[in-house]
Amino acid sequence: CDFAHSEEELQEWHKRRDFLRRMLNKARADMLISPTDNNFGNYNFVLQD
């Protein structure tokens, strides 16, 4: 993340991104989101490394 002001903030950002990725994977597994759907607007950062 280019906007983190400290190492703590960067770690917080990583934790939030990992949480969102887990929720996305669960939604896909539960067939709530198409496996090919990759357009999440402001949340596209979740898909990036």
C-alpha atoms as a PDB file:
ATOM      1  CA  CYS A   1       0.000   0.000   0.000  1.00  0.00           C
ATOM      2  CA  ASP A   2       1.499   3.322  -1.067  1.00  0.00           C
ATOM      3  CA  PHE A   3      -0.533   5.306   1.459  1.00  0.00           C
ATOM      4  CA  ALA A   4       0.601   3.698   4.724  1.00  0.00           C
ATOM      5  CA  HIS A   5       2.286   6.162   7.066  1.00  0.00           C
ATOM      6  CA  SER A   6       3.971   3.604   9.280  1.00  0.00           C
ATOM      7  CA  GLU A   7       4.784  -0.083   9.555  1.00  0.00           C
ATOM      8  CA  GLU A   8       1.822  -0.517  11.940  1.00  0.00           C
ATOM      9  CA  GLU A   9      -0.536   1.038   9.439  1.00  0.00           C
ATOM     10  CA  LEU A  10       0.845  -1.174   6.672  1.00  0.00           C
ATOM     11  CA  GLN A  11       0.270  -4.286   8.800  1.00  0.00           C
ATOM     12  CA  GLU A  12      -3.293  -3.136   9.521  1.00  0.00           C
ATOM     13  CA  TRP A  13      -3.864  -2.696   5.784  1.00  0.00           C
ATOM     14  CA  HIS A  14      -2.553  -6.221   5.088  1.00  0.00           C
ATOM     15  CA  LYS A  15      -4.869  -7.683   7.745  1.00  0.00           C
ATOM     16  CA  ARG A  16      -7.895  -5.914   6.262  1.00  0.00           C
ATOM     17  CA  ARG A  17      -6.986  -6.998   2.724  1.00  0.00           C
ATOM     18  CA  ASP A  18      -6.547 -10.614   3.854  1.00  0.00           C
ATOM     19  CA  PHE A  19      -9.927 -10.511   5.618  1.00  0.00           C
ATOM     20  CA  LEU A  20     -11.624  -9.163   2.488  1.00  0.00           C
ATOM     21  CA  ARG A  21      -9.944 -11.851   0.381  1.00  0.00           C
ATOM     22  CA  ARG A  22     -11.241 -14.572   2.705  1.00  0.00           C
ATOM     23  CA  MET A  23     -14.755 -13.124   2.506  1.00  0.00           C
ATOM     24  CA  LEU A  24     -14.521 -12.957  -1.298  1.00  0.00           C
ATOM     25  CA  ASN A  25     -13.339 -16.560  -1.492  1.00  0.00           C
ATOM     26  CA  LYS A  26     -16.174 -17.682   0.797  1.00  0.00           C
ATOM     27  CA  ALA A  27     -18.743 -15.786  -1.269  1.00  0.00           C
ATOM     28  CA  ARG A  28     -17.425 -17.467  -4.404  1.00  0.00           C
ATOM     29  CA  ALA A  29     -17.469 -20.898  -2.722  1.00  0.00           C
ATOM     30  CA  ASP A  30     -21.063 -20.271  -1.594  1.00  0.00           C
ATOM     31  CA  MET A  31     -21.885 -19.250  -5.200  1.00  0.00           C
ATOM     32  CA  LEU A  32     -22.912 -15.738  -4.152  1.00  0.00           C
ATOM     33  CA  ILE A  33     -20.393 -14.268  -6.615  1.00  0.00           C
ATOM     34  CA  SER A  34     -19.455 -15.666  -9.989  1.00  0.00           C
ATOM     35  CA  PRO A  35     -15.932 -17.151 -10.037  1.00  0.00           C
ATOM     36  CA  THR A  36     -15.185 -15.019 -13.106  1.00  0.00           C
ATOM     37  CA  ASP A  37     -16.455 -11.747 -11.607  1.00  0.00           C
ATOM     38  CA  ASN A  38     -13.416  -9.551 -10.991  1.00  0.00           C
ATOM     39  CA  ASN A  39     -14.842  -6.029 -11.089  1.00  0.00           C
ATOM     40  CA  PHE A  40     -15.419  -4.722  -7.576  1.00  0.00           C
ATOM     41  CA  GLY A  41     -14.929  -0.999  -8.160  1.00  0.00           C
ATOM     42  CA  ASN A  42     -13.096   0.584  -5.220  1.00  0.00           C
ATOM     43  CA  TYR A  43     -12.388  -2.870  -3.794  1.00  0.00           C
ATOM     44  CA  ASN A  44     -10.354  -4.148  -6.755  1.00  0.00           C
ATOM     45  CA  PHE A  45      -7.238  -3.746  -4.569  1.00  0.00           C
ATOM     46  CA  VAL A  46      -8.303  -6.960  -2.830  1.00  0.00           C
ATOM     47  CA  LEU A  47      -7.438  -8.894  -5.981  1.00  0.00           C
ATOM     48  CA  GLN A  48      -3.986  -7.342  -6.336  1.00  0.00           C
ATOM     49  CA  ASP A  49      -0.779  -8.375  -4.574  1.00  0.00           C
END
